[in-house]
Amino acid sequence: MEADEVAISLYLKSYPGQFVSAAEICRRAGTKRRFRKQPDWALPILKRMVDAGLLESDSTGHYRLAPTQERERKKRRWVSPQISRILKQSGKTFDIVSPDEDTGSPDQHYRD
């Protein structure tokens, strides 16, 4: 990624899951001087990032980071074996509960 793409990505990381307007990205992702000289400097970069699959765009021209499997994996939280046992005994099915992949232990994880 270029420096501009990194700056835009870092700015959008501060708004996880939220769409941000292109004007706000142009204003906040760069410097004041750059925004004064070129108010729409980020528009071609945003379009290129959407084409590459790094960003998502909605119909109103707002952008957000595209969800990745890594970010989805980071949302998982550790669950103690006792809580896991209680969840299993409840009789309900929990599709979001999966074995711990990092340590290979029988501990369970769940997502928020």
PDB file of N, CA and C in Angstrom:
ATOM      1  N   MET A   1       0.839  -1.182   0.000  1.00  0.00           N
ATOM      2  CA  MET A   1       0.000   0.000   0.000  1.00  0.00           C
ATOM      3  C   MET A   1       0.884   1.245   0.000  1.00  0.00           C
ATOM      4  N   GLU A   2       0.365   2.277  -0.612  1.00  0.00           N
ATOM      5  CA  GLU A   2       1.043   3.563  -0.614  1.00  0.00           C
ATOM      6  C   GLU A   2       0.848   4.257   0.732  1.00  0.00           C
ATOM      7  N   ALA A   3       1.574   5.349   0.904  1.00  0.00           N
ATOM      8  CA  ALA A   3       1.457   6.112   2.150  1.00  0.00           C
ATOM      9  C   ALA A   3       0.055   6.695   2.310  1.00  0.00           C
ATOM     10  N   ASP A   4      -0.543   7.150   1.199  1.00  0.00           N
ATOM     11  CA  ASP A   4      -1.899   7.708   1.278  1.00  0.00           C
ATOM     12  C   ASP A   4      -2.916   6.642   1.663  1.00  0.00           C
ATOM     13  N   GLU A   5      -2.776   5.460   1.107  1.00  0.00           N
ATOM     14  CA  GLU A   5      -3.686   4.368   1.442  1.00  0.00           C
ATOM     15  C   GLU A   5      -3.545   3.979   2.907  1.00  0.00           C
ATOM     16  N   VAL A   6      -2.324   3.979   3.402  1.00  0.00           N
ATOM     17  CA  VAL A   6      -2.091   3.653   4.813  1.00  0.00           C
ATOM     18  C   VAL A   6      -2.726   4.714   5.704  1.00  0.00           C
ATOM     19  N   ALA A   7      -2.569   5.996   5.330  1.00  0.00           N
ATOM     20  CA  ALA A   7      -3.153   7.079   6.128  1.00  0.00           C
ATOM     21  C   ALA A   7      -4.675   6.966   6.173  1.00  0.00           C
ATOM     22  N   ILE A   8      -5.287   6.653   5.039  1.00  0.00           N
ATOM     23  CA  ILE A   8      -6.738   6.496   4.997  1.00  0.00           C
ATOM     24  C   ILE A   8      -7.167   5.286   5.817  1.00  0.00           C
ATOM     25  N   SER A   9      -6.446   4.185   5.698  1.00  0.00           N
ATOM     26  CA  SER A   9      -6.778   2.978   6.472  1.00  0.00           C
ATOM     27  C   SER A   9      -6.668   3.227   7.970  1.00  0.00           C
ATOM     28  N   LEU A  10      -5.609   3.916   8.380  1.00  0.00           N
ATOM     29  CA  LEU A  10      -5.444   4.213   9.802  1.00  0.00           C
ATOM     30  C   LEU A  10      -6.553   5.122  10.315  1.00  0.00           C
ATOM     31  N   TYR A  11      -6.961   6.085   9.494  1.00  0.00           N
ATOM     32  CA  TYR A  11      -8.058   6.955   9.909  1.00  0.00           C
ATOM     33  C   TYR A  11      -9.360   6.171  10.046  1.00  0.00           C
ATOM     34  N   LEU A  12      -9.641   5.305   9.073  1.00  0.00           N
ATOM     35  CA  LEU A  12     -10.892   4.544   9.121  1.00  0.00           C
ATOM     36  C   LEU A  12     -10.893   3.484  10.216  1.00  0.00           C
ATOM     37  N   LYS A  13      -9.731   3.057  10.665  1.00  0.00           N
ATOM     38  CA  LYS A  13      -9.680   2.101  11.779  1.00  0.00           C
ATOM     39  C   LYS A  13     -10.230   2.705  13.064  1.00  0.00           C
ATOM     40  N   SER A  14     -10.210   4.027  13.165  1.00  0.00           N
ATOM     41  CA  SER A  14     -10.749   4.668  14.366  1.00  0.00           C
ATOM     42  C   SER A  14     -12.278   4.695  14.362  1.00  0.00           C
ATOM     43  N   TYR A  15     -12.891   4.302  13.238  1.00  0.00           N
ATOM     44  CA  TYR A  15     -14.342   4.196  13.120  1.00  0.00           C
ATOM     45  C   TYR A  15     -14.713   2.790  12.653  1.00  0.00           C
ATOM     46  N   PRO A  16     -14.505   1.779  13.490  1.00  0.00           N
ATOM     47  CA  PRO A  16     -14.753   0.401  13.035  1.00  0.00           C
ATOM     48  C   PRO A  16     -16.229   0.154  12.727  1.00  0.00           C
ATOM     49  N   GLY A  17     -16.477  -0.342  11.512  1.00  0.00           N
ATOM     50  CA  GLY A  17     -17.837  -0.697  11.117  1.00  0.00           C
ATOM     51  C   GLY A  17     -18.715   0.469  10.718  1.00  0.00           C
ATOM     52  N   GLN A  18     -18.224   1.706  10.835  1.00  0.00           N
ATOM     53  CA  GLN A  18     -19.030   2.866  10.503  1.00  0.00           C
ATOM     54  C   GLN A  18     -18.619   3.423   9.149  1.00  0.00           C
ATOM     55  N   PHE A  19     -19.585   3.926   8.405  1.00  0.00           N
ATOM     56  CA  PHE A  19     -19.298   4.594   7.144  1.00  0.00           C
ATOM     57  C   PHE A  19     -18.948   6.050   7.429  1.00  0.00           C
ATOM     58  N   VAL A  20     -17.912   6.538   6.758  1.00  0.00           N
ATOM     59  CA  VAL A  20     -17.438   7.914   6.923  1.00  0.00           C
ATOM     60  C   VAL A  20     -17.476   8.582   5.552  1.00  0.00           C
ATOM     61  N   SER A  21     -17.889   9.851   5.516  1.00  0.00           N
ATOM     62  CA  SER A  21     -18.010  10.550   4.230  1.00  0.00           C
ATOM     63  C   SER A  21     -16.637  10.795   3.619  1.00  0.00           C
ATOM     64  N   ALA A  22     -16.616  10.889   2.295  1.00  0.00           N
ATOM     65  CA  ALA A  22     -15.365  11.127   1.576  1.00  0.00           C
ATOM     66  C   ALA A  22     -14.784  12.485   1.948  1.00  0.00           C
ATOM     67  N   ALA A  23     -15.645  13.490   2.144  1.00  0.00           N
ATOM     68  CA  ALA A  23     -15.165  14.818   2.523  1.00  0.00           C
ATOM     69  C   ALA A  23     -14.471  14.780   3.881  1.00  0.00           C
ATOM     70  N   GLU A  24     -15.029  14.020   4.804  1.00  0.00           N
ATOM     71  CA  GLU A  24     -14.414  13.900   6.132  1.00  0.00           C
ATOM     72  C   GLU A  24     -13.077  13.169   6.050  1.00  0.00           C
ATOM     73  N   ILE A  25     -12.990  12.168   5.204  1.00  0.00           N
ATOM     74  CA  ILE A  25     -11.728  11.452   5.026  1.00  0.00           C
ATOM     75  C   ILE A  25     -10.688  12.386   4.430  1.00  0.00           C
ATOM     76  N   CYS A  26     -11.066  13.180   3.420  1.00  0.00           N
ATOM     77  CA  CYS A  26     -10.143  14.137   2.818  1.00  0.00           C
ATOM     78  C   CYS A  26      -9.658  15.152   3.854  1.00  0.00           C
ATOM     79  N   ARG A  27     -10.540  15.567   4.722  1.00  0.00           N
ATOM     80  CA  ARG A  27     -10.208  16.580   5.715  1.00  0.00           C
ATOM     81  C   ARG A  27      -9.332  16.025   6.835  1.00  0.00           C
ATOM     82  N   ARG A  28      -9.616  14.825   7.301  1.00  0.00           N
ATOM     83  CA  ARG A  28      -8.966  14.319   8.506  1.00  0.00           C
ATOM     84  C   ARG A  28      -7.801  13.358   8.279  1.00  0.00           C
ATOM     85  N   ALA A  29      -7.792  12.639   7.159  1.00  0.00           N
ATOM     86  CA  ALA A  29      -6.752  11.626   6.951  1.00  0.00           C
ATOM     87  C   ALA A  29      -5.415  12.251   6.559  1.00  0.00           C
ATOM     88  N   GLY A  30      -5.447  13.415   5.962  1.00  0.00           N
ATOM     89  CA  GLY A  30      -4.221  14.089   5.559  1.00  0.00           C
ATOM     90  C   GLY A  30      -3.929  15.267   6.468  1.00  0.00           C
ATOM     91  N   THR A  31      -3.033  16.107   6.012  1.00  0.00           N
ATOM     92  CA  THR A  31      -2.677  17.297   6.788  1.00  0.00           C
ATOM     93  C   THR A  31      -3.568  18.473   6.387  1.00  0.00           C
ATOM     94  N   LYS A  32      -3.542  19.516   7.207  1.00  0.00           N
ATOM     95  CA  LYS A  32      -4.321  20.719   6.904  1.00  0.00           C
ATOM     96  C   LYS A  32      -3.848  21.356   5.606  1.00  0.00           C
ATOM     97  N   ARG A  33      -2.540  21.399   5.440  1.00  0.00           N
ATOM     98  CA  ARG A  33      -1.978  22.022   4.250  1.00  0.00           C
ATOM     99  C   ARG A  33      -2.422  21.288   2.981  1.00  0.00           C
ATOM    100  N   ARG A  34      -2.403  19.981   3.045  1.00  0.00           N
ATOM    101  CA  ARG A  34      -2.820  19.199   1.874  1.00  0.00           C
ATOM    102  C   ARG A  34      -4.298  19.403   1.573  1.00  0.00           C
ATOM    103  N   PHE A  35      -5.125  19.474   2.609  1.00  0.00           N
ATOM    104  CA  PHE A  35      -6.555  19.692   2.405  1.00  0.00           C
ATOM    105  C   PHE A  35      -6.824  21.071   1.815  1.00  0.00           C
ATOM    106  N   ARG A  36      -6.063  22.096   2.233  1.00  0.00           N
ATOM    107  CA  ARG A  36      -6.243  23.433   1.678  1.00  0.00           C
ATOM    108  C   ARG A  36      -5.868  23.495   0.202  1.00  0.00           C
ATOM    109  N   LYS A  37      -4.773  22.797  -0.166  1.00  0.00           N
ATOM    110  CA  LYS A  37      -4.315  22.817  -1.557  1.00  0.00           C
ATOM    111  C   LYS A  37      -5.207  21.965  -2.458  1.00  0.00           C
ATOM    112  N   GLN A  38      -5.577  20.772  -1.987  1.00  0.00           N
ATOM    113  CA  GLN A  38      -6.397  19.842  -2.769  1.00  0.00           C
ATOM    114  C   GLN A  38      -7.502  19.277  -1.882  1.00  0.00           C
ATOM    115  N   PRO A  39      -8.660  19.900  -1.843  1.00  0.00           N
ATOM    116  CA  PRO A  39      -9.729  19.419  -0.951  1.00  0.00           C
ATOM    117  C   PRO A  39     -10.236  18.014  -1.281  1.00  0.00           C
ATOM    118  N   ASP A  40     -10.072  17.556  -2.514  1.00  0.00           N
ATOM    119  CA  ASP A  40     -10.566  16.237  -2.913  1.00  0.00           C
ATOM    120  C   ASP A  40      -9.424  15.263  -3.210  1.00  0.00           C
ATOM    121  N   TRP A  41      -8.339  15.382  -2.489  1.00  0.00           N
ATOM    122  CA  TRP A  41      -7.150  14.589  -2.787  1.00  0.00           C
ATOM    123  C   TRP A  41      -7.380  13.096  -2.618  1.00  0.00           C
ATOM    124  N   ALA A  42      -8.266  12.680  -1.738  1.00  0.00           N
ATOM    125  CA  ALA A  42      -8.428  11.259  -1.421  1.00  0.00           C
ATOM    126  C   ALA A  42      -9.414  10.533  -2.333  1.00  0.00           C
ATOM    127  N   LEU A  43     -10.176  11.246  -3.137  1.00  0.00           N
ATOM    128  CA  LEU A  43     -11.215  10.592  -3.938  1.00  0.00           C
ATOM    129  C   LEU A  43     -10.670   9.517  -4.884  1.00  0.00           C
ATOM    130  N   PRO A  44      -9.623   9.783  -5.680  1.00  0.00           N
ATOM    131  CA  PRO A  44      -9.125   8.700  -6.543  1.00  0.00           C
ATOM    132  C   PRO A  44      -8.538   7.537  -5.753  1.00  0.00           C
ATOM    133  N   ILE A  45      -7.957   7.835  -4.613  1.00  0.00           N
ATOM    134  CA  ILE A  45      -7.376   6.778  -3.775  1.00  0.00           C
ATOM    135  C   ILE A  45      -8.486   5.924  -3.181  1.00  0.00           C
ATOM    136  N   LEU A  46      -9.579   6.557  -2.761  1.00  0.00           N
ATOM    137  CA  LEU A  46     -10.715   5.811  -2.213  1.00  0.00           C
ATOM    138  C   LEU A  46     -11.311   4.879  -3.256  1.00  0.00           C
ATOM    139  N   LYS A  47     -11.448   5.375  -4.480  1.00  0.00           N
ATOM    140  CA  LYS A  47     -12.005   4.539  -5.548  1.00  0.00           C
ATOM    141  C   LYS A  47     -11.090   3.354  -5.833  1.00  0.00           C
ATOM    142  N   ARG A  48      -9.784   3.601  -5.831  1.00  0.00           N
ATOM    143  CA  ARG A  48      -8.829   2.520  -6.075  1.00  0.00           C
ATOM    144  C   ARG A  48      -8.874   1.486  -4.950  1.00  0.00           C
ATOM    145  N   MET A  49      -9.036   1.951  -3.713  1.00  0.00           N
ATOM    146  CA  MET A  49      -9.106   1.029  -2.579  1.00  0.00           C
ATOM    147  C   MET A  49     -10.393   0.206  -2.604  1.00  0.00           C
ATOM    148  N   VAL A  50     -11.490   0.799  -3.096  1.00  0.00           N
ATOM    149  CA  VAL A  50     -12.745   0.045  -3.237  1.00  0.00           C
ATOM    150  C   VAL A  50     -12.574  -1.034  -4.293  1.00  0.00           C
ATOM    151  N   ASP A  51     -11.933  -0.680  -5.416  1.00  0.00           N
ATOM    152  CA  ASP A  51     -11.700  -1.657  -6.483  1.00  0.00           C
ATOM    153  C   ASP A  51     -10.803  -2.800  -6.010  1.00  0.00           C
ATOM    154  N   ALA A  52      -9.862  -2.498  -5.117  1.00  0.00           N
ATOM    155  CA  ALA A  52      -8.956  -3.524  -4.599  1.00  0.00           C
ATOM    156  C   ALA A  52      -9.604  -4.358  -3.492  1.00  0.00           C
ATOM    157  N   GLY A  53     -10.785  -3.950  -3.019  1.00  0.00           N
ATOM    158  CA  GLY A  53     -11.479  -4.704  -1.983  1.00  0.00           C
ATOM    159  C   GLY A  53     -11.056  -4.339  -0.569  1.00  0.00           C
ATOM    160  N   LEU A  54     -10.307  -3.252  -0.411  1.00  0.00           N
ATOM    161  CA  LEU A  54      -9.878  -2.830   0.920  1.00  0.00           C
ATOM    162  C   LEU A  54     -10.955  -2.034   1.645  1.00  0.00           C
ATOM    163  N   LEU A  55     -11.803  -1.348   0.874  1.00  0.00           N
ATOM    164  CA  LEU A  55     -12.869  -0.527   1.440  1.00  0.00           C
ATOM    165  C   LEU A  55     -14.210  -0.943   0.862  1.00  0.00           C
ATOM    166  N   GLU A  56     -15.264  -0.592   1.585  1.00  0.00           N
ATOM    167  CA  GLU A  56     -16.629  -0.744   1.109  1.00  0.00           C
ATOM    168  C   GLU A  56     -17.228   0.642   0.985  1.00  0.00           C
ATOM    169  N   SER A  57     -18.119   0.804   0.025  1.00  0.00           N
ATOM    170  CA  SER A  57     -18.780   2.080  -0.184  1.00  0.00           C
ATOM    171  C   SER A  57     -20.286   1.867  -0.171  1.00  0.00           C
ATOM    172  N   ASP A  58     -21.007   2.841   0.359  1.00  0.00           N
ATOM    173  CA  ASP A  58     -22.466   2.759   0.300  1.00  0.00           C
ATOM    174  C   ASP A  58     -22.973   3.694  -0.796  1.00  0.00           C
ATOM    175  N   SER A  59     -24.270   3.771  -0.961  1.00  0.00           N
ATOM    176  CA  SER A  59     -24.857   4.538  -2.056  1.00  0.00           C
ATOM    177  C   SER A  59     -24.708   6.048  -1.883  1.00  0.00           C
ATOM    178  N   THR A  60     -24.404   6.508  -0.684  1.00  0.00           N
ATOM    179  CA  THR A  60     -24.278   7.944  -0.436  1.00  0.00           C
ATOM    180  C   THR A  60     -22.838   8.443  -0.524  1.00  0.00           C
ATOM    181  N   GLY A  61     -21.906   7.585  -0.894  1.00  0.00           N
ATOM    182  CA  GLY A  61     -20.512   8.003  -1.041  1.00  0.00           C
ATOM    183  C   GLY A  61     -19.732   7.989   0.255  1.00  0.00           C
ATOM    184  N   HIS A  62     -20.157   7.180   1.190  1.00  0.00           N
ATOM    185  CA  HIS A  62     -19.438   7.013   2.445  1.00  0.00           C
ATOM    186  C   HIS A  62     -18.640   5.712   2.377  1.00  0.00           C
ATOM    187  N   TYR A  63     -17.530   5.675   3.089  1.00  0.00           N
ATOM    188  CA  TYR A  63     -16.609   4.535   3.004  1.00  0.00           C
ATOM    189  C   TYR A  63     -16.318   3.980   4.391  1.00  0.00           C
ATOM    190  N   ARG A  64     -15.991   2.681   4.420  1.00  0.00           N
ATOM    191  CA  ARG A  64     -15.517   2.025   5.637  1.00  0.00           C
ATOM    192  C   ARG A  64     -14.568   0.904   5.230  1.00  0.00           C
ATOM    193  N   LEU A  65     -13.779   0.444   6.196  1.00  0.00           N
ATOM    194  CA  LEU A  65     -12.882  -0.672   5.931  1.00  0.00           C
ATOM    195  C   LEU A  65     -13.693  -1.933   5.684  1.00  0.00           C
ATOM    196  N   ALA A  66     -13.290  -2.696   4.701  1.00  0.00           N
ATOM    197  CA  ALA A  66     -13.970  -3.951   4.409  1.00  0.00           C
ATOM    198  C   ALA A  66     -13.636  -4.959   5.501  1.00  0.00           C
ATOM    199  N   PRO A  67     -14.623  -5.709   5.979  1.00  0.00           N
ATOM    200  CA  PRO A  67     -14.333  -6.695   7.032  1.00  0.00           C
ATOM    201  C   PRO A  67     -13.441  -7.811   6.495  1.00  0.00           C
ATOM    202  N   THR A  68     -12.522  -8.258   7.332  1.00  0.00           N
ATOM    203  CA  THR A  68     -11.635  -9.355   6.959  1.00  0.00           C
ATOM    204  C   THR A  68     -11.767 -10.463   7.983  1.00  0.00           C
ATOM    205  N   GLN A  69     -11.292 -11.626   7.643  1.00  0.00           N
ATOM    206  CA  GLN A  69     -11.357 -12.751   8.573  1.00  0.00           C
ATOM    207  C   GLN A  69     -10.502 -12.478   9.800  1.00  0.00           C
ATOM    208  N   GLU A  70      -9.424 -11.762   9.639  1.00  0.00           N
ATOM    209  CA  GLU A  70      -8.558 -11.459  10.785  1.00  0.00           C
ATOM    210  C   GLU A  70      -9.284 -10.591  11.796  1.00  0.00           C
ATOM    211  N   ARG A  71     -10.012  -9.569  11.309  1.00  0.00           N
ATOM    212  CA  ARG A  71     -10.768  -8.729  12.233  1.00  0.00           C
ATOM    213  C   ARG A  71     -11.890  -9.502  12.897  1.00  0.00           C
ATOM    214  N   GLU A  72     -12.518 -10.410  12.161  1.00  0.00           N
ATOM    215  CA  GLU A  72     -13.575 -11.233  12.742  1.00  0.00           C
ATOM    216  C   GLU A  72     -13.003 -12.145  13.824  1.00  0.00           C
ATOM    217  N   ARG A  73     -11.803 -12.656  13.595  1.00  0.00           N
ATOM    218  CA  ARG A  73     -11.167 -13.536  14.571  1.00  0.00           C
ATOM    219  C   ARG A  73     -10.786 -12.769  15.837  1.00  0.00           C
ATOM    220  N   LYS A  74     -10.416 -11.512  15.691  1.00  0.00           N
ATOM    221  CA  LYS A  74     -10.050 -10.705  16.843  1.00  0.00           C
ATOM    222  C   LYS A  74     -11.243 -10.412  17.744  1.00  0.00           C
ATOM    223  N   LYS A  75     -12.453 -10.523  17.220  1.00  0.00           N
ATOM    224  CA  LYS A  75     -13.635 -10.250  18.019  1.00  0.00           C
ATOM    225  C   LYS A  75     -13.936 -11.371  19.007  1.00  0.00           C
ATOM    226  N   ARG A  76     -13.292 -12.501  18.856  1.00  0.00           N
ATOM    227  CA  ARG A  76     -13.554 -13.632  19.745  1.00  0.00           C
ATOM    228  C   ARG A  76     -12.999 -13.352  21.135  1.00  0.00           C
ATOM    229  N   ARG A  77     -13.662 -13.882  22.125  1.00  0.00           N
ATOM    230  CA  ARG A  77     -13.255 -13.717  23.514  1.00  0.00           C
ATOM    231  C   ARG A  77     -13.085 -15.081  24.162  1.00  0.00           C
ATOM    232  N   TRP A  78     -12.233 -15.152  25.139  1.00  0.00           N
ATOM    233  CA  TRP A  78     -11.990 -16.388  25.852  1.00  0.00           C
ATOM    234  C   TRP A  78     -13.161 -16.677  26.786  1.00  0.00           C
ATOM    235  N   VAL A  79     -13.561 -17.935  26.848  1.00  0.00           N
ATOM    236  CA  VAL A  79     -14.622 -18.379  27.742  1.00  0.00           C
ATOM    237  C   VAL A  79     -14.047 -19.483  28.616  1.00  0.00           C
ATOM    238  N   SER A  80     -14.299 -19.386  29.908  1.00  0.00           N
ATOM    239  CA  SER A  80     -13.786 -20.408  30.813  1.00  0.00           C
ATOM    240  C   SER A  80     -14.479 -21.740  30.550  1.00  0.00           C
ATOM    241  N   PRO A  81     -13.838 -22.843  30.897  1.00  0.00           N
ATOM    242  CA  PRO A  81     -14.465 -24.157  30.700  1.00  0.00           C
ATOM    243  C   PRO A  81     -15.801 -24.292  31.443  1.00  0.00           C
ATOM    244  N   GLN A  82     -15.932 -23.634  32.589  1.00  0.00           N
ATOM    245  CA  GLN A  82     -17.176 -23.706  33.356  1.00  0.00           C
ATOM    246  C   GLN A  82     -18.324 -23.035  32.585  1.00  0.00           C
ATOM    247  N   ILE A  83     -18.053 -21.865  32.020  1.00  0.00           N
ATOM    248  CA  ILE A  83     -19.080 -21.169  31.237  1.00  0.00           C
ATOM    249  C   ILE A  83     -19.432 -21.992  30.005  1.00  0.00           C
ATOM    250  N   SER A  84     -18.431 -22.579  29.377  1.00  0.00           N
ATOM    251  CA  SER A  84     -18.678 -23.419  28.203  1.00  0.00           C
ATOM    252  C   SER A  84     -19.595 -24.576  28.552  1.00  0.00           C
ATOM    253  N   ARG A  85     -19.359 -25.212  29.694  1.00  0.00           N
ATOM    254  CA  ARG A  85     -20.189 -26.322  30.144  1.00  0.00           C
ATOM    255  C   ARG A  85     -21.628 -25.862  30.384  1.00  0.00           C
ATOM    256  N   ILE A  86     -21.801 -24.691  30.990  1.00  0.00           N
ATOM    257  CA  ILE A  86     -23.140 -24.148  31.238  1.00  0.00           C
ATOM    258  C   ILE A  86     -23.865 -23.892  29.922  1.00  0.00           C
ATOM    259  N   LEU A  87     -23.143 -23.334  28.937  1.00  0.00           N
ATOM    260  CA  LEU A  87     -23.758 -23.077  27.636  1.00  0.00           C
ATOM    261  C   LEU A  87     -24.201 -24.376  26.973  1.00  0.00           C
ATOM    262  N   LYS A  88     -23.378 -25.418  27.068  1.00  0.00           N
ATOM    263  CA  LYS A  88     -23.736 -26.708  26.477  1.00  0.00           C
ATOM    264  C   LYS A  88     -24.937 -27.327  27.183  1.00  0.00           C
ATOM    265  N   GLN A  89     -25.002 -27.195  28.506  1.00  0.00           N
ATOM    266  CA  GLN A  89     -26.093 -27.782  29.278  1.00  0.00           C
ATOM    267  C   GLN A  89     -27.412 -27.039  29.079  1.00  0.00           C
ATOM    268  N   SER A  90     -27.371 -25.825  28.531  1.00  0.00           N
ATOM    269  CA  SER A  90     -28.604 -25.054  28.361  1.00  0.00           C
ATOM    270  C   SER A  90     -29.514 -25.664  27.293  1.00  0.00           C
ATOM    271  N   GLY A  91     -28.948 -26.516  26.423  1.00  0.00           N
ATOM    272  CA  GLY A  91     -29.752 -27.160  25.402  1.00  0.00           C
ATOM    273  C   GLY A  91     -29.889 -26.352  24.124  1.00  0.00           C
ATOM    274  N   LYS A  92     -29.395 -25.127  24.126  1.00  0.00           N
ATOM    275  CA  LYS A  92     -29.462 -24.290  22.937  1.00  0.00           C
ATOM    276  C   LYS A  92     -28.209 -24.504  22.099  1.00  0.00           C
ATOM    277  N   THR A  93     -28.319 -24.217  20.821  1.00  0.00           N
ATOM    278  CA  THR A  93     -27.151 -24.335  19.958  1.00  0.00           C
ATOM    279  C   THR A  93     -26.525 -22.961  19.779  1.00  0.00           C
ATOM    280  N   PHE A  94     -25.226 -22.919  19.886  1.00  0.00           N
ATOM    281  CA  PHE A  94     -24.475 -21.684  19.729  1.00  0.00           C
ATOM    282  C   PHE A  94     -23.530 -21.867  18.556  1.00  0.00           C
ATOM    283  N   ASP A  95     -23.887 -21.255  17.418  1.00  0.00           N
ATOM    284  CA  ASP A  95     -23.063 -21.367  16.220  1.00  0.00           C
ATOM    285  C   ASP A  95     -21.761 -20.606  16.355  1.00  0.00           C
ATOM    286  N   ILE A  96     -21.708 -19.654  17.262  1.00  0.00           N
ATOM    287  CA  ILE A  96     -20.518 -18.825  17.375  1.00  0.00           C
ATOM    288  C   ILE A  96     -19.478 -19.406  18.320  1.00  0.00           C
ATOM    289  N   VAL A  97     -19.748 -20.520  18.938  1.00  0.00           N
ATOM    290  CA  VAL A  97     -18.797 -21.149  19.845  1.00  0.00           C
ATOM    291  C   VAL A  97     -17.943 -22.114  19.038  1.00  0.00           C
ATOM    292  N   SER A  98     -16.626 -21.963  19.162  1.00  0.00           N
ATOM    293  CA  SER A  98     -15.718 -22.838  18.427  1.00  0.00           C
ATOM    294  C   SER A  98     -14.516 -23.160  19.300  1.00  0.00           C
ATOM    295  N   PRO A  99     -13.800 -24.249  19.016  1.00  0.00           N
ATOM    296  CA  PRO A  99     -12.633 -24.610  19.827  1.00  0.00           C
ATOM    297  C   PRO A  99     -11.521 -23.591  19.658  1.00  0.00           C
ATOM    298  N   ASP A 100     -10.668 -23.521  20.663  1.00  0.00           N
ATOM    299  CA  ASP A 100      -9.525 -22.618  20.628  1.00  0.00           C
ATOM    300  C   ASP A 100      -8.541 -23.103  19.581  1.00  0.00           C
ATOM    301  N   GLU A 101      -8.290 -22.270  18.561  1.00  0.00           N
ATOM    302  CA  GLU A 101      -7.423 -22.664  17.464  1.00  0.00           C
ATOM    303  C   GLU A 101      -5.964 -22.364  17.757  1.00  0.00           C
ATOM    304  N   ASP A 102      -5.697 -21.395  18.635  1.00  0.00           N
ATOM    305  CA  ASP A 102      -4.324 -20.976  18.882  1.00  0.00           C
ATOM    306  C   ASP A 102      -3.541 -21.982  19.712  1.00  0.00           C
ATOM    307  N   THR A 103      -4.135 -22.480  20.787  1.00  0.00           N
ATOM    308  CA  THR A 103      -3.397 -23.343  21.696  1.00  0.00           C
ATOM    309  C   THR A 103      -3.716 -24.812  21.512  1.00  0.00           C
ATOM    310  N   GLY A 104      -4.792 -25.111  20.822  1.00  0.00           N
ATOM    311  CA  GLY A 104      -5.185 -26.493  20.635  1.00  0.00           C
ATOM    312  C   GLY A 104      -5.834 -27.094  21.874  1.00  0.00           C
ATOM    313  N   SER A 105      -6.117 -26.267  22.867  1.00  0.00           N
ATOM    314  CA  SER A 105      -6.747 -26.771  24.097  1.00  0.00           C
ATOM    315  C   SER A 105      -8.248 -26.875  23.910  1.00  0.00           C
ATOM    316  N   PRO A 106      -8.936 -27.607  24.781  1.00  0.00           N
ATOM    317  CA  PRO A 106     -10.390 -27.757  24.644  1.00  0.00           C
ATOM    318  C   PRO A 106     -11.172 -26.548  25.100  1.00  0.00           C
ATOM    319  N   ASP A 107     -10.499 -25.451  25.498  1.00  0.00           N
ATOM    320  CA  ASP A 107     -11.210 -24.252  25.907  1.00  0.00           C
ATOM    321  C   ASP A 107     -12.058 -23.749  24.757  1.00  0.00           C
ATOM    322  N   GLN A 108     -13.105 -23.028  25.079  1.00  0.00           N
ATOM    323  CA  GLN A 108     -14.033 -22.553  24.068  1.00  0.00           C
ATOM    324  C   GLN A 108     -13.919 -21.042  23.925  1.00  0.00           C
ATOM    325  N   HIS A 109     -14.286 -20.531  22.760  1.00  0.00           N
ATOM    326  CA  HIS A 109     -14.335 -19.114  22.478  1.00  0.00           C
ATOM    327  C   HIS A 109     -15.736 -18.767  22.006  1.00  0.00           C
ATOM    328  N   TYR A 110     -16.076 -17.522  22.168  1.00  0.00           N
ATOM    329  CA  TYR A 110     -17.338 -17.036  21.623  1.00  0.00           C
ATOM    330  C   TYR A 110     -17.097 -15.638  21.081  1.00  0.00           C
ATOM    331  N   ARG A 111     -18.014 -15.187  20.234  1.00  0.00           N
ATOM    332  CA  ARG A 111     -17.931 -13.847  19.669  1.00  0.00           C
ATOM    333  C   ARG A 111     -18.961 -12.972  20.337  1.00  0.00           C
ATOM    334  N   ASP A 112     -18.628 -11.665  20.377  1.00  0.00           N
ATOM    335  CA  ASP A 112     -19.583 -10.697  20.923  1.00  0.00           C
ATOM    336  C   ASP A 112     -20.759 -10.551  20.008  1.00  0.00           C
TER     337      ASP A 112
END
